[in-house]
Amino acid sequence: MSGDVVNLRMARKHRDRATKEATAERNRFEHGRTKAERDLARAKNDKAARDHDASRREPDTPKR
């Protein structure tokens, strides 16, 4: 009973290509937006943070 023979060089190249493609996809998402889209996303995130902080029962006060 022998397993499949794997060419390590080809497996390494396949792994590297998959890693580079994932990095490229992430960069296309992050850097492929217009300034208006980035500003809108930033404004939505800021509003969500403000709304979350405003719904706290007690304000954050430093403990002594």
N, C-alpha and C. Protein backbone atom coordinates (compact mmCIF):
# COMPACT_ATOMS: atom_id res chain seq x y z
N MET A 1 0.83 -1.17 0.00
CA MET A 1 0.00 0.00 0.00
C MET A 1 0.87 1.24 0.00
N SER A 2 0.93 1.89 -1.11
CA SER A 2 1.72 3.11 -1.19
C SER A 2 0.78 4.28 -1.50
N GLY A 3 1.15 5.42 -0.98
CA GLY A 3 0.35 6.63 -1.21
C GLY A 3 0.73 7.27 -2.53
N ASP A 4 0.07 8.33 -2.82
CA ASP A 4 0.38 9.07 -4.05
C ASP A 4 1.72 9.77 -3.90
N VAL A 5 2.46 9.78 -4.98
CA VAL A 5 3.75 10.46 -4.99
C VAL A 5 3.50 11.95 -5.21
N VAL A 6 4.12 12.77 -4.37
CA VAL A 6 3.93 14.21 -4.45
C VAL A 6 5.26 14.86 -4.80
N ASN A 7 5.24 15.68 -5.83
CA ASN A 7 6.42 16.42 -6.21
C ASN A 7 6.48 17.65 -5.29
N LEU A 8 7.44 17.68 -4.40
CA LEU A 8 7.51 18.74 -3.40
C LEU A 8 7.73 20.11 -4.03
N ARG A 9 8.48 20.17 -5.10
CA ARG A 9 8.72 21.44 -5.77
C ARG A 9 7.41 22.01 -6.30
N MET A 10 6.61 21.16 -6.93
CA MET A 10 5.32 21.61 -7.47
C MET A 10 4.34 21.97 -6.36
N ALA A 11 4.36 21.22 -5.28
CA ALA A 11 3.47 21.52 -4.15
C ALA A 11 3.84 22.87 -3.54
N ARG A 12 5.14 23.14 -3.43
CA ARG A 12 5.60 24.41 -2.87
C ARG A 12 5.20 25.57 -3.77
N LYS A 13 5.34 25.40 -5.08
CA LYS A 13 4.95 26.45 -6.02
C LYS A 13 3.44 26.69 -5.95
N HIS A 14 2.66 25.64 -5.84
CA HIS A 14 1.20 25.79 -5.75
C HIS A 14 0.82 26.55 -4.48
N ARG A 15 1.47 26.20 -3.36
CA ARG A 15 1.20 26.88 -2.09
C ARG A 15 1.56 28.36 -2.19
N ASP A 16 2.72 28.67 -2.78
CA ASP A 16 3.15 30.06 -2.91
C ASP A 16 2.21 30.86 -3.80
N ARG A 17 1.75 30.26 -4.89
CA ARG A 17 0.81 30.95 -5.78
C ARG A 17 -0.50 31.25 -5.06
N ALA A 18 -0.98 30.30 -4.27
CA ALA A 18 -2.23 30.51 -3.54
C ALA A 18 -2.07 31.63 -2.51
N THR A 19 -0.93 31.68 -1.86
CA THR A 19 -0.67 32.73 -0.87
C THR A 19 -0.61 34.09 -1.55
N LYS A 20 0.08 34.18 -2.68
CA LYS A 20 0.17 35.45 -3.40
C LYS A 20 -1.19 35.89 -3.91
N GLU A 21 -2.02 34.96 -4.35
CA GLU A 21 -3.35 35.32 -4.85
C GLU A 21 -4.22 35.85 -3.70
N ALA A 22 -4.12 35.24 -2.52
CA ALA A 22 -4.89 35.73 -1.37
C ALA A 22 -4.45 37.14 -0.99
N THR A 23 -3.14 37.39 -1.00
CA THR A 23 -2.63 38.72 -0.69
C THR A 23 -3.10 39.73 -1.72
N ALA A 24 -3.06 39.34 -2.99
CA ALA A 24 -3.49 40.24 -4.06
C ALA A 24 -4.98 40.56 -3.93
N GLU A 25 -5.79 39.57 -3.58
CA GLU A 25 -7.23 39.80 -3.41
C GLU A 25 -7.48 40.79 -2.28
N ARG A 26 -6.77 40.63 -1.17
CA ARG A 26 -6.92 41.54 -0.03
C ARG A 26 -6.49 42.96 -0.42
N ASN A 27 -5.40 43.09 -1.16
CA ASN A 27 -4.93 44.41 -1.59
C ASN A 27 -5.91 45.04 -2.56
N ARG A 28 -6.49 44.26 -3.46
CA ARG A 28 -7.48 44.82 -4.39
C ARG A 28 -8.68 45.36 -3.62
N PHE A 29 -9.07 44.67 -2.56
CA PHE A 29 -10.20 45.14 -1.78
C PHE A 29 -9.84 46.42 -1.02
N GLU A 30 -8.67 46.43 -0.39
CA GLU A 30 -8.29 47.58 0.43
C GLU A 30 -7.93 48.81 -0.38
N HIS A 31 -7.23 48.64 -1.48
CA HIS A 31 -6.69 49.78 -2.21
C HIS A 31 -7.46 50.08 -3.50
N GLY A 32 -8.42 49.27 -3.83
CA GLY A 32 -9.12 49.46 -5.09
C GLY A 32 -10.41 50.23 -4.95
N ARG A 33 -10.53 51.04 -3.91
CA ARG A 33 -11.74 51.82 -3.70
C ARG A 33 -11.46 53.29 -3.95
N THR A 34 -12.51 54.00 -4.31
CA THR A 34 -12.36 55.43 -4.53
C THR A 34 -12.29 56.14 -3.18
N LYS A 35 -11.87 57.40 -3.21
CA LYS A 35 -11.76 58.17 -1.99
C LYS A 35 -13.14 58.33 -1.33
N ALA A 36 -14.16 58.51 -2.14
CA ALA A 36 -15.52 58.67 -1.61
C ALA A 36 -15.96 57.39 -0.88
N GLU A 37 -15.63 56.24 -1.44
CA GLU A 37 -15.99 54.98 -0.80
C GLU A 37 -15.24 54.80 0.52
N ARG A 38 -13.95 55.16 0.54
CA ARG A 38 -13.17 55.06 1.77
C ARG A 38 -13.72 56.01 2.84
N ASP A 39 -14.06 57.25 2.44
CA ASP A 39 -14.60 58.22 3.39
C ASP A 39 -15.95 57.76 3.94
N LEU A 40 -16.79 57.19 3.08
CA LEU A 40 -18.09 56.70 3.52
C LEU A 40 -17.92 55.55 4.52
N ALA A 41 -17.03 54.62 4.24
CA ALA A 41 -16.79 53.51 5.15
C ALA A 41 -16.25 54.01 6.48
N ARG A 42 -15.34 54.98 6.45
CA ARG A 42 -14.79 55.54 7.68
C ARG A 42 -15.88 56.24 8.49
N ALA A 43 -16.77 56.98 7.82
CA ALA A 43 -17.85 57.68 8.51
C ALA A 43 -18.82 56.68 9.15
N LYS A 44 -19.13 55.60 8.43
CA LYS A 44 -20.02 54.57 8.99
C LYS A 44 -19.40 53.91 10.22
N ASN A 45 -18.10 53.61 10.15
CA ASN A 45 -17.43 53.00 11.29
C ASN A 45 -17.39 53.94 12.48
N ASP A 46 -17.13 55.22 12.24
CA ASP A 46 -17.11 56.20 13.33
C ASP A 46 -18.48 56.33 13.97
N LYS A 47 -19.54 56.36 13.15
CA LYS A 47 -20.89 56.48 13.68
C LYS A 47 -21.26 55.25 14.50
N ALA A 48 -20.89 54.08 14.03
CA ALA A 48 -21.19 52.86 14.77
C ALA A 48 -20.47 52.87 16.12
N ALA A 49 -19.24 53.35 16.15
CA ALA A 49 -18.50 53.43 17.41
C ALA A 49 -19.14 54.44 18.35
N ARG A 50 -19.57 55.58 17.82
CA ARG A 50 -20.24 56.59 18.67
C ARG A 50 -21.55 56.04 19.22
N ASP A 51 -22.34 55.37 18.38
CA ASP A 51 -23.61 54.81 18.84
C ASP A 51 -23.38 53.75 19.91
N HIS A 52 -22.36 52.95 19.73
CA HIS A 52 -22.05 51.91 20.70
C HIS A 52 -21.64 52.54 22.04
N ASP A 53 -20.81 53.56 21.98
CA ASP A 53 -20.37 54.23 23.21
C ASP A 53 -21.53 54.97 23.87
N ALA A 54 -22.46 55.52 23.09
CA ALA A 54 -23.57 56.27 23.64
C ALA A 54 -24.57 55.36 24.36
N SER A 55 -24.58 54.09 24.04
CA SER A 55 -25.57 53.20 24.64
C SER A 55 -25.05 52.53 25.92
N ARG A 56 -23.92 52.97 26.41
CA ARG A 56 -23.40 52.42 27.65
C ARG A 56 -24.26 52.88 28.83
N ARG A 57 -24.37 52.04 29.82
CA ARG A 57 -25.14 52.39 31.01
C ARG A 57 -24.38 53.39 31.87
N GLU A 58 -23.11 53.17 32.05
CA GLU A 58 -22.30 54.06 32.87
C GLU A 58 -21.14 54.56 32.02
N PRO A 59 -20.80 55.81 32.14
CA PRO A 59 -19.65 56.30 31.39
C PRO A 59 -18.36 55.69 31.91
N ASP A 60 -17.39 55.59 31.05
CA ASP A 60 -16.09 55.08 31.45
C ASP A 60 -15.43 56.09 32.37
N THR A 61 -15.14 55.69 33.58
CA THR A 61 -14.42 56.56 34.51
C THR A 61 -13.23 55.77 35.02
N PRO A 62 -12.10 56.42 35.13
CA PRO A 62 -10.94 55.71 35.66
C PRO A 62 -11.14 55.34 37.12
N LYS A 63 -10.76 54.11 37.47
CA LYS A 63 -10.88 53.67 38.86
C LYS A 63 -9.68 54.16 39.65
N ARG A 64 -9.94 54.54 40.89
CA ARG A 64 -8.85 55.06 41.73
C ARG A 64 -8.26 53.98 42.55
